Every structure is written in C-alpha cells, then in structure tokens.
Amino acid sequence: MPLSGEAIRTMNYVDDISVTLRRILAVLPSLTEDERTRVAEHIKKADPSYASVVSAIEAK
C-alpha cells in the first residue's frame, strides 16, 4: 500500500530531526562541560520529547 502525502511529509520531519541531532552531536566537542550540561538539561526539558512522540505513535 502506498504512503499518503501526509505520511511522507511526517517521515521528512523525522529526517529533519535527525539532521538537527547530528548537528548537535557535531558541536558538542567544542562546548565546555558547563555548556554541555546546560544543553543536556534544555534537551531533557523539551516538550514534546522525541520519546513522548514515539510513545504516542505506538499507543495509537
């Protein structure tokens, strides 16, 4: 069964998120320990989180 345009668009969003995460990983070595800690806390507080979106998809 072919995917709908909305499903393809949503998968493209996931690809965009992956690119963003790779960019974050690439810059981490240049950050101080304090900056890395603050970035980690910011990511942990982000809502919705990647994990919560996956849980929502699996629950449906």
Protein backbone atom coordinates (compact mmCIF):
# COMPACT_ATOMS: atom_id res chain seq x y z
CA MET A 1 0.00 0.00 0.00
CA PRO A 2 1.49 3.38 -0.98
CA LEU A 3 2.01 6.02 1.70
CA SER A 4 -0.12 9.12 1.84
CA GLY A 5 1.41 12.54 1.28
CA GLU A 6 0.94 13.27 4.97
CA ALA A 7 2.87 10.14 5.99
CA ILE A 8 5.73 11.02 3.62
CA ARG A 9 5.78 14.61 4.94
CA THR A 10 5.89 13.31 8.51
CA MET A 11 8.79 11.00 7.66
CA ASN A 12 10.60 14.01 6.17
CA TYR A 13 10.13 15.79 9.52
CA VAL A 14 11.82 12.84 11.21
CA ASP A 15 14.71 13.17 8.75
CA ASP A 16 14.95 16.87 9.65
CA ILE A 17 15.10 15.98 13.34
CA SER A 18 17.92 13.51 12.62
CA VAL A 19 19.89 16.22 10.81
CA THR A 20 19.40 18.55 13.78
CA LEU A 21 20.58 15.87 16.22
CA ARG A 22 23.69 15.24 14.09
CA ARG A 23 24.42 18.98 14.20
CA ILE A 24 24.08 18.96 17.98
CA LEU A 25 26.45 15.99 18.22
CA ALA A 26 28.95 17.71 15.93
CA VAL A 27 29.13 20.85 18.08
CA LEU A 28 29.34 19.10 21.46
CA PRO A 29 33.14 18.69 21.42
CA SER A 30 33.55 22.47 21.15
CA LEU A 31 31.39 23.20 24.22
CA THR A 32 32.65 23.49 27.75
CA GLU A 33 31.49 20.97 30.33
CA ASP A 34 29.11 23.57 31.79
CA GLU A 35 27.67 24.34 28.36
CA ARG A 36 27.17 20.65 27.62
CA THR A 37 25.38 20.26 30.95
CA ARG A 38 23.11 23.20 30.21
CA VAL A 39 22.36 21.93 26.69
CA ALA A 40 21.55 18.48 28.12
CA GLU A 41 19.17 19.98 30.67
CA HIS A 42 17.50 22.04 27.95
CA ILE A 43 17.02 18.92 25.81
CA LYS A 44 15.63 16.95 28.78
CA LYS A 45 13.05 19.69 29.43
CA ALA A 46 11.98 19.95 25.79
CA ASP A 47 8.31 19.14 25.32
CA PRO A 48 7.22 17.20 23.47
CA SER A 49 10.28 14.97 23.64
CA TYR A 50 11.32 12.52 20.95
CA ALA A 51 10.46 9.67 23.33
CA SER A 52 6.97 11.05 24.06
CA VAL A 53 6.22 11.31 20.34
CA VAL A 54 7.34 7.70 19.79
CA SER A 55 5.13 6.60 22.71
CA ALA A 56 2.17 8.47 21.23
CA ILE A 57 2.69 6.79 17.85
CA GLU A 58 2.96 3.34 19.41
CA ALA A 59 -0.17 3.90 21.54
CA LYS A 60 -2.40 4.55 18.55
